Amino acid sequence: MIIEGSVSRIFCGKAAPAQQNALSVTAGARYSGARYARAALPSVGSKLAPATIQSQPLFENSMQLATWNVNSLTVRLPQLVDWLQANPVDVLVLQETKLTDDKFPADALRAAGYHAQWFGQKTYNGVALLSRTPATDVVKNIPGFADDMARVIAGTVAGIRVIGAYFPNGQAPGSDKFEYKMEWLKGLRAWVKKELEAHPQLVLMGDYNITFDDDDVWDPEGMRDQIHCTDEERYHLRALVALGLHDSHRLFAQPPKSYSWWDYRDFAFRRNRGLRIDHILISNALKPKAQSCQIDKAPRKNERPSDHAPVVLDINLGP
């Protein structure tokens, strides 16, 4: 997402034909009790033995799920692999991969120990679902909603329905792209309602391009009624919550001015002039299992970083 002045600009493009891409790998290590230790992950370019599927369950008592808008997987791949080595989460959804399906870095992610499902298009948008064990029942984009943008990928991992989404930017209130965003949000809500009925344990995470309220905005007055902060967008976000979802970040005490996105310009990150627009919503069934939710700002300090930071949720899978 790029903000020009106080208005963000959406990128549009034609999606490549959807392809069923699945990547099967051997998980790198197992949990031990509520805490876990991982084997060291191979670096990009490392060779693996022929892939096999573990017969034993990877998860015992805890699981980590994360979302990260990488703003070009081609550029950010080394940073992604480094982050996974330091933070070997069990499920990660990516947004703005910005590459076609045939360009997806399957070998690097196989070497890092992850199964992958992906759905991309040239230059813009693009999503992926990485997991330690294979995702099943994979869906790409919103069923029944005609869309040529690669925005949604869903799958079931360890009994949890995971939906990763790159919500439309919307450009500016009153624009055609804003109307598209409103219609897309309606389509998403109708589908998520059905998914919740079928999958009580559900996580909806990604780059929402919407703030909940003024606490998610570094300059609430300056951004009032601007994109990401309009009443119309926030209505749809609250409507998603009303389905029986919860903002996992706010289930726990957080530092003030906690943001997940900062403009590249005007030293916005250094001055903490950001927005919290990357969210992890969890279902009623998962709410009591949530243990923590944090924004990892460390990757934003990298050279050539994404303008977004990962958000990580810990859940307890025990009884």
C-alpha atoms as a PDB file:
ATOM      1  CA  MET A   1       0.000   0.000   0.000  1.00  0.00           C
ATOM      2  CA  ILE A   2       1.321   3.454  -0.908  1.00  0.00           C
ATOM      3  CA  ILE A   3      -0.165   6.629   0.460  1.00  0.00           C
ATOM      4  CA  GLU A   4      -0.031   9.738  -1.659  1.00  0.00           C
ATOM      5  CA  GLY A   5      -0.661  12.656   0.634  1.00  0.00           C
ATOM      6  CA  SER A   6      -3.554  11.437   2.754  1.00  0.00           C
ATOM      7  CA  VAL A   7      -5.050   9.202   0.098  1.00  0.00           C
ATOM      8  CA  SER A   8      -3.903   5.662  -0.703  1.00  0.00           C
ATOM      9  CA  ARG A   9      -3.699   4.270  -4.212  1.00  0.00           C
ATOM     10  CA  ILE A  10      -4.959   0.813  -5.113  1.00  0.00           C
ATOM     11  CA  PHE A  11      -3.179  -1.240  -7.720  1.00  0.00           C
ATOM     12  CA  CYS A  12      -5.285  -3.099 -10.224  1.00  0.00           C
ATOM     13  CA  GLY A  13      -4.394  -5.748 -12.734  1.00  0.00           C
ATOM     14  CA  LYS A  14      -5.619  -8.915 -14.421  1.00  0.00           C
ATOM     15  CA  ALA A  15      -5.173 -12.185 -12.585  1.00  0.00           C
ATOM     16  CA  ALA A  16      -3.329 -15.030 -14.170  1.00  0.00           C
ATOM     17  CA  PRO A  17      -5.424 -18.180 -14.538  1.00  0.00           C
ATOM     18  CA  ALA A  18      -5.759 -19.882 -11.192  1.00  0.00           C
ATOM     19  CA  GLN A  19      -3.493 -22.876 -10.820  1.00  0.00           C
ATOM     20  CA  GLN A  20      -3.655 -25.607  -8.218  1.00  0.00           C
ATOM     21  CA  ASN A  21      -0.208 -25.331  -6.711  1.00  0.00           C
ATOM     22  CA  ALA A  22       0.602 -27.449  -3.707  1.00  0.00           C
ATOM     23  CA  LEU A  23       3.971 -28.031  -2.140  1.00  0.00           C
ATOM     24  CA  SER A  24       4.632 -31.031   0.119  1.00  0.00           C
ATOM     25  CA  VAL A  25       7.656 -31.001   2.418  1.00  0.00           C
ATOM     26  CA  THR A  26       8.942 -32.601   5.546  1.00  0.00           C
ATOM     27  CA  ALA A  27       8.376 -30.520   8.668  1.00  0.00           C
ATOM     28  CA  GLY A  28      11.601 -29.422  10.316  1.00  0.00           C
ATOM     29  CA  ALA A  29      10.830 -30.289  13.967  1.00  0.00           C
ATOM     30  CA  ARG A  30       8.087 -31.042  16.459  1.00  0.00           C
ATOM     31  CA  TYR A  31       6.514 -29.384  19.425  1.00  0.00           C
ATOM     32  CA  SER A  32       7.390 -30.507  22.911  1.00  0.00           C
ATOM     33  CA  GLY A  33       4.620 -29.633  25.330  1.00  0.00           C
ATOM     34  CA  ALA A  34       3.337 -26.069  25.243  1.00  0.00           C
ATOM     35  CA  ARG A  35       6.724 -24.753  24.189  1.00  0.00           C
ATOM     36  CA  TYR A  36       8.690 -26.001  21.234  1.00  0.00           C
ATOM     37  CA  ALA A  37      12.117 -26.162  19.678  1.00  0.00           C
ATOM     38  CA  ARG A  38      12.835 -26.177  15.976  1.00  0.00           C
ATOM     39  CA  ALA A  39      15.655 -27.705  14.029  1.00  0.00           C
ATOM     40  CA  ALA A  40      17.750 -25.161  12.183  1.00  0.00           C
ATOM     41  CA  LEU A  41      16.209 -24.329   8.836  1.00  0.00           C
ATOM     42  CA  PRO A  42      18.248 -24.513   5.650  1.00  0.00           C
ATOM     43  CA  SER A  43      19.056 -21.303   3.870  1.00  0.00           C
ATOM     44  CA  VAL A  44      17.754 -20.271   0.470  1.00  0.00           C
ATOM     45  CA  GLY A  45      19.199 -22.558  -2.161  1.00  0.00           C
ATOM     46  CA  SER A  46      19.798 -25.502   0.198  1.00  0.00           C
ATOM     47  CA  LYS A  47      18.973 -28.954  -1.173  1.00  0.00           C
ATOM     48  CA  LEU A  48      16.446 -31.239   0.492  1.00  0.00           C
ATOM     49  CA  ALA A  49      15.947 -34.969   0.232  1.00  0.00           C
ATOM     50  CA  PRO A  50      12.808 -35.977  -1.700  1.00  0.00           C
ATOM     51  CA  ALA A  51       9.809 -34.563   0.111  1.00  0.00           C
ATOM     52  CA  THR A  52       7.753 -36.785   2.363  1.00  0.00           C
ATOM     53  CA  ILE A  53       4.774 -36.204   4.642  1.00  0.00           C
ATOM     54  CA  GLN A  54       5.139 -36.777   8.360  1.00  0.00           C
ATOM     55  CA  SER A  55       2.770 -39.445   9.670  1.00  0.00           C
ATOM     56  CA  GLN A  56       2.791 -38.008  13.201  1.00  0.00           C
ATOM     57  CA  PRO A  57       0.984 -34.766  14.030  1.00  0.00           C
ATOM     58  CA  LEU A  58       3.261 -31.739  14.188  1.00  0.00           C
ATOM     59  CA  PHE A  59       1.266 -29.900  16.852  1.00  0.00           C
ATOM     60  CA  GLU A  60       0.755 -30.891  20.441  1.00  0.00           C
ATOM     61  CA  ASN A  61      -0.293 -28.022  22.658  1.00  0.00           C
ATOM     62  CA  SER A  62       0.431 -24.763  20.844  1.00  0.00           C
ATOM     63  CA  MET A  63       0.435 -23.210  17.418  1.00  0.00           C
ATOM     64  CA  GLN A  64       1.620 -19.930  15.926  1.00  0.00           C
ATOM     65  CA  LEU A  65      -0.163 -18.222  13.043  1.00  0.00           C
ATOM     66  CA  ALA A  66       1.020 -15.055  11.354  1.00  0.00           C
ATOM     67  CA  THR A  67       0.211 -12.614   8.565  1.00  0.00           C
ATOM     68  CA  TRP A  68       2.614 -10.437   6.603  1.00  0.00           C
ATOM     69  CA  ASN A  69       2.162  -8.167   3.609  1.00  0.00           C
ATOM     70  CA  VAL A  70       5.607  -8.564   2.059  1.00  0.00           C
ATOM     71  CA  ASN A  71       5.027  -5.966  -0.701  1.00  0.00           C
ATOM     72  CA  SER A  72       6.818  -8.051  -3.381  1.00  0.00           C
ATOM     73  CA  LEU A  73       7.936 -11.561  -2.581  1.00  0.00           C
ATOM     74  CA  THR A  74      10.639 -11.315  -5.230  1.00  0.00           C
ATOM     75  CA  VAL A  75      12.294  -8.454  -3.372  1.00  0.00           C
ATOM     76  CA  ARG A  76      11.555  -9.673   0.142  1.00  0.00           C
ATOM     77  CA  LEU A  77      12.238 -13.421  -0.222  1.00  0.00           C
ATOM     78  CA  PRO A  78      15.602 -13.373   1.617  1.00  0.00           C
ATOM     79  CA  GLN A  79      13.996 -11.381   4.436  1.00  0.00           C
ATOM     80  CA  LEU A  80      11.082 -13.805   4.577  1.00  0.00           C
ATOM     81  CA  VAL A  81      13.354 -16.838   4.866  1.00  0.00           C
ATOM     82  CA  ASP A  82      15.454 -15.104   7.510  1.00  0.00           C
ATOM     83  CA  TRP A  83      12.313 -14.234   9.450  1.00  0.00           C
ATOM     84  CA  LEU A  84      11.049 -17.806   9.265  1.00  0.00           C
ATOM     85  CA  GLN A  85      14.391 -19.061  10.543  1.00  0.00           C
ATOM     86  CA  ALA A  86      14.119 -16.743  13.549  1.00  0.00           C
ATOM     87  CA  ASN A  87      10.350 -17.152  13.915  1.00  0.00           C
ATOM     88  CA  PRO A  88       9.359 -20.623  12.709  1.00  0.00           C
ATOM     89  CA  VAL A  89       5.623 -20.071  12.803  1.00  0.00           C
ATOM     90  CA  ASP A  90       3.291 -22.901  11.919  1.00  0.00           C
ATOM     91  CA  VAL A  91       1.083 -20.961   9.507  1.00  0.00           C
ATOM     92  CA  LEU A  92       1.884 -17.774   7.616  1.00  0.00           C
ATOM     93  CA  VAL A  93      -0.298 -15.961   5.112  1.00  0.00           C
ATOM     94  CA  LEU A  94       1.339 -13.498   2.727  1.00  0.00           C
ATOM     95  CA  GLN A  95      -0.123 -10.580   0.815  1.00  0.00           C
ATOM     96  CA  GLU A  96       1.102  -8.557  -2.164  1.00  0.00           C
ATOM     97  CA  THR A  97       3.374 -11.285  -3.440  1.00  0.00           C
ATOM     98  CA  LYS A  98       3.192  -9.480  -6.797  1.00  0.00           C
ATOM     99  CA  LEU A  99       4.181 -12.389  -9.022  1.00  0.00           C
ATOM    100  CA  THR A 100       2.538 -14.920 -11.284  1.00  0.00           C
ATOM    101  CA  ASP A 101       2.071 -18.500 -10.134  1.00  0.00           C
ATOM    102  CA  ASP A 102       4.923 -19.806 -12.280  1.00  0.00           C
ATOM    103  CA  LYS A 103       7.328 -17.388 -10.558  1.00  0.00           C
ATOM    104  CA  PHE A 104       6.436 -18.432  -7.015  1.00  0.00           C
ATOM    105  CA  PRO A 105       9.648 -19.378  -5.082  1.00  0.00           C
ATOM    106  CA  ALA A 106       8.623 -22.958  -4.332  1.00  0.00           C
ATOM    107  CA  ASP A 107      12.153 -24.292  -3.922  1.00  0.00           C
ATOM    108  CA  ALA A 108      13.174 -21.698  -1.346  1.00  0.00           C
ATOM    109  CA  LEU A 109      10.093 -22.319   0.757  1.00  0.00           C
ATOM    110  CA  ARG A 110      10.492 -26.081   0.446  1.00  0.00           C
ATOM    111  CA  ALA A 111      14.020 -25.651   1.756  1.00  0.00           C
ATOM    112  CA  ALA A 112      12.668 -23.597   4.639  1.00  0.00           C
ATOM    113  CA  GLY A 113      10.392 -26.484   5.605  1.00  0.00           C
ATOM    114  CA  TYR A 114       6.996 -25.224   4.456  1.00  0.00           C
ATOM    115  CA  HIS A 115       4.140 -26.539   2.403  1.00  0.00           C
ATOM    116  CA  ALA A 116       2.730 -23.770   0.246  1.00  0.00           C
ATOM    117  CA  GLN A 117      -0.411 -22.816  -1.581  1.00  0.00           C
ATOM    118  CA  TRP A 118      -0.346 -19.659  -3.674  1.00  0.00           C
ATOM    119  CA  PHE A 119      -2.489 -17.537  -5.927  1.00  0.00           C
ATOM    120  CA  GLY A 120      -0.854 -14.697  -7.807  1.00  0.00           C
ATOM    121  CA  GLN A 121      -0.889 -12.312 -10.694  1.00  0.00           C
ATOM    122  CA  LYS A 122       1.642 -10.127 -12.445  1.00  0.00           C
ATOM    123  CA  THR A 123       2.815  -6.955 -10.668  1.00  0.00           C
ATOM    124  CA  TYR A 124      -0.050  -6.512  -8.205  1.00  0.00           C
ATOM    125  CA  ASN A 125      -1.913  -8.304  -5.417  1.00  0.00           C
ATOM    126  CA  GLY A 126      -1.128 -11.993  -4.858  1.00  0.00           C
ATOM    127  CA  VAL A 127      -1.544 -14.146  -1.737  1.00  0.00           C
ATOM    128  CA  ALA A 128       0.001 -17.313  -0.307  1.00  0.00           C
ATOM    129  CA  LEU A 129      -0.553 -19.757   2.532  1.00  0.00           C
ATOM    130  CA  LEU A 130       2.513 -21.380   4.080  1.00  0.00           C
ATOM    131  CA  SER A 131       2.162 -24.146   6.646  1.00  0.00           C
ATOM    132  CA  ARG A 132       4.217 -26.789   8.415  1.00  0.00           C
ATOM    133  CA  THR A 133       1.649 -29.449   7.575  1.00  0.00           C
ATOM    134  CA  PRO A 134      -0.335 -29.538   4.351  1.00  0.00           C
ATOM    135  CA  ALA A 135      -3.369 -27.302   4.030  1.00  0.00           C
ATOM    136  CA  THR A 136      -6.511 -29.063   2.831  1.00  0.00           C
ATOM    137  CA  ASP A 137      -9.744 -27.876   1.222  1.00  0.00           C
ATOM    138  CA  VAL A 138      -7.943 -24.960  -0.404  1.00  0.00           C
ATOM    139  CA  VAL A 139     -10.043 -22.151  -1.862  1.00  0.00           C
ATOM    140  CA  LYS A 140      -8.805 -19.226  -3.950  1.00  0.00           C
ATOM    141  CA  ASN A 141     -10.747 -15.953  -3.971  1.00  0.00           C
ATOM    142  CA  ILE A 142     -14.315 -15.586  -2.707  1.00  0.00           C
ATOM    143  CA  PRO A 143     -16.643 -18.261  -4.094  1.00  0.00           C
ATOM    144  CA  GLY A 144     -19.538 -16.687  -5.939  1.00  0.00           C
ATOM    145  CA  PHE A 145     -17.901 -13.250  -6.164  1.00  0.00           C
ATOM    146  CA  ALA A 146     -16.601 -12.480  -9.657  1.00  0.00           C
ATOM    147  CA  ASP A 147     -13.138 -10.987  -9.278  1.00  0.00           C
ATOM    148  CA  ASP A 148     -10.012 -10.988 -11.426  1.00  0.00           C
ATOM    149  CA  MET A 149      -7.795  -9.895  -8.521  1.00  0.00           C
ATOM    150  CA  ALA A 150      -5.764 -12.480  -6.583  1.00  0.00           C
ATOM    151  CA  ARG A 151      -6.852 -11.534  -3.067  1.00  0.00           C
ATOM    152  CA  VAL A 152      -7.903 -14.543  -0.993  1.00  0.00           C
ATOM    153  CA  ILE A 153      -6.527 -17.962  -0.165  1.00  0.00           C
ATOM    154  CA  ALA A 154      -7.993 -20.340   2.411  1.00  0.00           C
ATOM    155  CA  GLY A 155      -7.172 -23.793   3.717  1.00  0.00           C
ATOM    156  CA  THR A 156      -7.557 -26.001   6.760  1.00  0.00           C
ATOM    157  CA  VAL A 157      -4.459 -26.663   8.882  1.00  0.00           C
ATOM    158  CA  ALA A 158      -4.551 -28.876  11.979  1.00  0.00           C
ATOM    159  CA  GLY A 159      -8.320 -28.497  12.185  1.00  0.00           C
ATOM    160  CA  ILE A 160      -8.247 -24.708  11.943  1.00  0.00           C
ATOM    161  CA  ARG A 161      -9.765 -22.958   8.950  1.00  0.00           C
ATOM    162  CA  VAL A 162      -7.299 -20.279   7.858  1.00  0.00           C
ATOM    163  CA  ILE A 163      -8.369 -17.486   5.523  1.00  0.00           C
ATOM    164  CA  GLY A 164      -5.663 -15.143   4.283  1.00  0.00           C
ATOM    165  CA  ALA A 165      -6.825 -12.007   2.503  1.00  0.00           C
ATOM    166  CA  TYR A 166      -5.501  -8.881   0.868  1.00  0.00           C
ATOM    167  CA  PHE A 167      -8.421  -6.484   1.190  1.00  0.00           C
ATOM    168  CA  PRO A 168      -8.840  -3.858  -1.537  1.00  0.00           C
ATOM    169  CA  ASN A 169      -7.201  -0.527  -0.843  1.00  0.00           C
ATOM    170  CA  GLY A 170     -10.119   1.537  -2.124  1.00  0.00           C
ATOM    171  CA  GLN A 171      -8.114   4.556  -3.284  1.00  0.00           C
ATOM    172  CA  ALA A 172     -10.502   7.278  -2.044  1.00  0.00           C
ATOM    173  CA  PRO A 173     -14.109   7.582  -0.863  1.00  0.00           C
ATOM    174  CA  GLY A 174     -16.436   8.065  -3.798  1.00  0.00           C
ATOM    175  CA  SER A 175     -14.112   6.451  -6.340  1.00  0.00           C
ATOM    176  CA  ASP A 176     -14.905   3.377  -8.428  1.00  0.00           C
ATOM    177  CA  LYS A 177     -12.249   1.498  -6.479  1.00  0.00           C
ATOM    178  CA  PHE A 178     -13.946   2.431  -3.219  1.00  0.00           C
ATOM    179  CA  GLU A 179     -17.234   1.029  -4.516  1.00  0.00           C
ATOM    180  CA  TYR A 180     -15.417  -2.141  -5.532  1.00  0.00           C
ATOM    181  CA  LYS A 181     -14.054  -2.367  -1.992  1.00  0.00           C
ATOM    182  CA  MET A 182     -17.562  -2.059  -0.530  1.00  0.00           C
ATOM    183  CA  GLU A 183     -18.907  -4.812  -2.784  1.00  0.00           C
ATOM    184  CA  TRP A 184     -15.891  -7.022  -2.093  1.00  0.00           C
ATOM    185  CA  LEU A 185     -16.413  -6.620   1.657  1.00  0.00           C
ATOM    186  CA  LYS A 186     -20.062  -7.652   1.297  1.00  0.00           C
ATOM    187  CA  GLY A 187     -19.040 -10.729  -0.661  1.00  0.00           C
ATOM    188  CA  LEU A 188     -16.370 -11.608   1.883  1.00  0.00           C
ATOM    189  CA  ARG A 189     -18.760 -11.309   4.811  1.00  0.00           C
ATOM    190  CA  ALA A 190     -21.389 -13.534   3.198  1.00  0.00           C
ATOM    191  CA  TRP A 191     -18.777 -16.215   2.489  1.00  0.00           C
ATOM    192  CA  VAL A 192     -17.091 -15.996   5.910  1.00  0.00           C
ATOM    193  CA  LYS A 193     -20.486 -16.473   7.541  1.00  0.00           C
ATOM    194  CA  LYS A 194     -20.847 -19.790   5.703  1.00  0.00           C
ATOM    195  CA  GLU A 195     -17.271 -20.752   6.513  1.00  0.00           C
ATOM    196  CA  LEU A 196     -17.890 -20.164  10.221  1.00  0.00           C
ATOM    197  CA  GLU A 197     -20.901 -22.434  10.112  1.00  0.00           C
ATOM    198  CA  ALA A 198     -18.785 -25.176   8.586  1.00  0.00           C
ATOM    199  CA  HIS A 199     -15.580 -24.450  10.524  1.00  0.00           C
ATOM    200  CA  PRO A 200     -16.101 -23.211  14.109  1.00  0.00           C
ATOM    201  CA  GLN A 201     -12.316 -22.874  14.542  1.00  0.00           C
ATOM    202  CA  LEU A 202     -11.563 -20.125  12.037  1.00  0.00           C
ATOM    203  CA  VAL A 203      -8.926 -17.425  11.584  1.00  0.00           C
ATOM    204  CA  LEU A 204      -9.343 -14.536   9.140  1.00  0.00           C
ATOM    205  CA  MET A 205      -6.078 -12.656   8.793  1.00  0.00           C
ATOM    206  CA  GLY A 206      -4.282 -10.399   6.389  1.00  0.00           C
ATOM    207  CA  ASP A 207      -3.920  -6.814   5.244  1.00  0.00           C
ATOM    208  CA  TYR A 208      -7.408  -5.408   5.809  1.00  0.00           C
ATOM    209  CA  ASN A 209      -6.604  -1.880   4.626  1.00  0.00           C
ATOM    210  CA  ILE A 210      -9.036  -0.712   7.345  1.00  0.00           C
ATOM    211  CA  THR A 211      -8.456   0.660  10.841  1.00  0.00           C
ATOM    212  CA  PHE A 212     -10.864  -0.175  13.651  1.00  0.00           C
ATOM    213  CA  ASP A 213     -10.874   3.286  15.239  1.00  0.00           C
ATOM    214  CA  ASP A 214      -8.725   6.285  16.160  1.00  0.00           C
ATOM    215  CA  ASP A 215      -6.390   4.152  18.281  1.00  0.00           C
ATOM    216  CA  ASP A 216      -5.194   2.507  15.069  1.00  0.00           C
ATOM    217  CA  VAL A 217      -4.207   5.828  13.467  1.00  0.00           C
ATOM    218  CA  TRP A 218      -1.216   8.008  14.228  1.00  0.00           C
ATOM    219  CA  ASP A 219      -3.105  11.172  13.190  1.00  0.00           C
ATOM    220  CA  PRO A 220      -6.818  10.516  13.698  1.00  0.00           C
ATOM    221  CA  GLU A 221      -7.940  14.030  12.822  1.00  0.00           C
ATOM    222  CA  GLY A 222      -5.758  14.296   9.754  1.00  0.00           C
ATOM    223  CA  MET A 223      -6.947  10.919   8.477  1.00  0.00           C
ATOM    224  CA  ARG A 224     -10.595  11.312   9.412  1.00  0.00           C
ATOM    225  CA  ASP A 225     -12.889  10.284   6.553  1.00  0.00           C
ATOM    226  CA  GLN A 226      -9.850   9.381   4.456  1.00  0.00           C
ATOM    227  CA  ILE A 227      -9.238   5.932   3.050  1.00  0.00           C
ATOM    228  CA  HIS A 228      -8.696   3.236   5.714  1.00  0.00           C
ATOM    229  CA  CYS A 229     -10.540   5.407   8.227  1.00  0.00           C
ATOM    230  CA  THR A 230     -14.008   5.995   6.769  1.00  0.00           C
ATOM    231  CA  ASP A 231     -17.230   5.113   8.528  1.00  0.00           C
ATOM    232  CA  GLU A 232     -18.208   2.908   5.604  1.00  0.00           C
ATOM    233  CA  GLU A 233     -15.050   0.777   5.821  1.00  0.00           C
ATOM    234  CA  ARG A 234     -15.244   0.496   9.590  1.00  0.00           C
ATOM    235  CA  TYR A 235     -18.882  -0.550   9.351  1.00  0.00           C
ATOM    236  CA  HIS A 236     -17.873  -3.539   7.256  1.00  0.00           C
ATOM    237  CA  LEU A 237     -15.057  -4.392   9.656  1.00  0.00           C
ATOM    238  CA  ARG A 238     -17.466  -4.329  12.595  1.00  0.00           C
ATOM    239  CA  ALA A 239     -19.892  -6.434  10.554  1.00  0.00           C
ATOM    240  CA  LEU A 240     -17.221  -9.110  10.207  1.00  0.00           C
ATOM    241  CA  VAL A 241     -16.666  -9.040  13.953  1.00  0.00           C
ATOM    242  CA  ALA A 242     -20.425  -9.330  14.485  1.00  0.00           C
ATOM    243  CA  LEU A 243     -20.351 -12.741  12.775  1.00  0.00           C
ATOM    244  CA  GLY A 244     -18.626 -14.048  15.891  1.00  0.00           C
ATOM    245  CA  LEU A 245     -15.028 -12.943  15.349  1.00  0.00           C
ATOM    246  CA  HIS A 246     -12.616 -11.175  17.683  1.00  0.00           C
ATOM    247  CA  ASP A 247      -9.668  -8.854  17.117  1.00  0.00           C
ATOM    248  CA  SER A 248      -6.935 -11.002  18.653  1.00  0.00           C
ATOM    249  CA  HIS A 249      -4.578  -8.041  19.057  1.00  0.00           C
ATOM    250  CA  ARG A 250      -6.967  -6.338  21.459  1.00  0.00           C
ATOM    251  CA  LEU A 251      -7.523  -9.431  23.548  1.00  0.00           C
ATOM    252  CA  PHE A 252      -4.201  -8.558  25.201  1.00  0.00           C
ATOM    253  CA  ALA A 253      -2.587  -5.452  26.645  1.00  0.00           C
ATOM    254  CA  GLN A 254      -0.596  -3.683  23.929  1.00  0.00           C
ATOM    255  CA  PRO A 255       1.779  -0.727  23.890  1.00  0.00           C
ATOM    256  CA  PRO A 256       0.131   2.555  22.895  1.00  0.00           C
ATOM    257  CA  LYS A 257       0.448   3.570  19.265  1.00  0.00           C
ATOM    258  CA  SER A 258       0.854  -0.012  18.022  1.00  0.00           C
ATOM    259  CA  TYR A 259       0.843   0.049  14.230  1.00  0.00           C
ATOM    260  CA  SER A 260       1.546  -2.493  11.491  1.00  0.00           C
ATOM    261  CA  TRP A 261       2.127  -0.205   8.488  1.00  0.00           C
ATOM    262  CA  TRP A 262       4.258   2.898   7.963  1.00  0.00           C
ATOM    263  CA  ASP A 263       4.783   4.957   4.815  1.00  0.00           C
ATOM    264  CA  TYR A 264       8.241   4.743   3.267  1.00  0.00           C
ATOM    265  CA  ARG A 265       8.428   8.513   3.144  1.00  0.00           C
ATOM    266  CA  ASP A 266       9.083  11.267   5.694  1.00  0.00           C
ATOM    267  CA  PHE A 267      10.795   8.889   8.140  1.00  0.00           C
ATOM    268  CA  ALA A 268       7.338   7.601   9.066  1.00  0.00           C
ATOM    269  CA  PHE A 269       8.597   4.420  10.705  1.00  0.00           C
ATOM    270  CA  ARG A 270      11.245   6.205  12.731  1.00  0.00           C
ATOM    271  CA  ARG A 271       8.614   8.693  13.887  1.00  0.00           C
ATOM    272  CA  ASN A 272       6.017   5.922  14.387  1.00  0.00           C
ATOM    273  CA  ARG A 273       3.524   7.583  12.084  1.00  0.00           C
ATOM    274  CA  GLY A 274       1.612   4.503  11.099  1.00  0.00           C
ATOM    275  CA  LEU A 275      -1.671   2.640  10.906  1.00  0.00           C
ATOM    276  CA  ARG A 276      -2.819  -0.699  12.285  1.00  0.00           C
ATOM    277  CA  ILE A 277      -4.416  -2.278   9.240  1.00  0.00           C
ATOM    278  CA  ASP A 278      -3.070  -5.843   9.464  1.00  0.00           C
ATOM    279  CA  HIS A 279      -5.432  -7.869  11.624  1.00  0.00           C
ATOM    280  CA  ILE A 280      -5.988 -11.412  12.878  1.00  0.00           C
ATOM    281  CA  LEU A 281      -9.651 -12.086  13.637  1.00  0.00           C
ATOM    282  CA  ILE A 282     -10.459 -15.341  15.424  1.00  0.00           C
ATOM    283  CA  SER A 283     -13.709 -17.198  16.001  1.00  0.00           C
ATOM    284  CA  ASN A 284     -15.538 -17.677  19.284  1.00  0.00           C
ATOM    285  CA  ALA A 285     -14.171 -21.213  19.524  1.00  0.00           C
ATOM    286  CA  LEU A 286     -10.569 -19.984  19.304  1.00  0.00           C
ATOM    287  CA  LYS A 287     -10.891 -16.941  21.546  1.00  0.00           C
ATOM    288  CA  PRO A 288     -10.285 -18.828  24.829  1.00  0.00           C
ATOM    289  CA  LYS A 289      -7.324 -20.579  23.211  1.00  0.00           C
ATOM    290  CA  ALA A 290      -5.516 -17.343  22.277  1.00  0.00           C
ATOM    291  CA  GLN A 291      -2.352 -16.809  24.335  1.00  0.00           C
ATOM    292  CA  SER A 292      -0.797 -13.684  22.808  1.00  0.00           C
ATOM    293  CA  CYS A 293      -0.820 -11.488  19.721  1.00  0.00           C
ATOM    294  CA  GLN A 294       2.058  -9.208  18.783  1.00  0.00           C
ATOM    295  CA  ILE A 295       3.239  -6.983  15.961  1.00  0.00           C
ATOM    296  CA  ASP A 296       6.850  -7.789  15.082  1.00  0.00           C
ATOM    297  CA  LYS A 297       8.381  -4.477  14.065  1.00  0.00           C
ATOM    298  CA  ALA A 298      11.893  -5.882  13.618  1.00  0.00           C
ATOM    299  CA  PRO A 299      11.591  -6.627   9.853  1.00  0.00           C
ATOM    300  CA  ARG A 300      10.534  -3.028   9.226  1.00  0.00           C
ATOM    301  CA  LYS A 301      14.078  -2.012  10.269  1.00  0.00           C
ATOM    302  CA  ASN A 302      15.659  -4.022   7.452  1.00  0.00           C
ATOM    303  CA  GLU A 303      17.209  -2.503   4.387  1.00  0.00           C
ATOM    304  CA  ARG A 304      14.584  -2.409   1.626  1.00  0.00           C
ATOM    305  CA  PRO A 305      11.838  -3.569   3.999  1.00  0.00           C
ATOM    306  CA  SER A 306       8.180  -4.137   3.373  1.00  0.00           C
ATOM    307  CA  ASP A 307       6.129  -1.214   4.593  1.00  0.00           C
ATOM    308  CA  HIS A 308       4.150  -3.707   6.725  1.00  0.00           C
ATOM    309  CA  ALA A 309       5.203  -5.673   9.800  1.00  0.00           C
ATOM    310  CA  PRO A 310       4.209  -9.270  10.563  1.00  0.00           C
ATOM    311  CA  VAL A 311       1.490  -9.914  13.134  1.00  0.00           C
ATOM    312  CA  VAL A 312       1.787 -13.149  15.117  1.00  0.00           C
ATOM    313  CA  LEU A 313      -0.852 -15.020  17.121  1.00  0.00           C
ATOM    314  CA  ASP A 314      -0.157 -17.803  19.630  1.00  0.00           C
ATOM    315  CA  ILE A 315      -2.945 -20.240  20.418  1.00  0.00           C
ATOM    316  CA  ASN A 316      -3.166 -23.164  22.831  1.00  0.00           C
ATOM    317  CA  LEU A 317      -4.432 -26.340  21.202  1.00  0.00           C
ATOM    318  CA  GLY A 318      -4.775 -28.245  24.451  1.00  0.00           C
ATOM    319  CA  PRO A 319      -8.106 -29.068  26.121  1.00  0.00           C
END
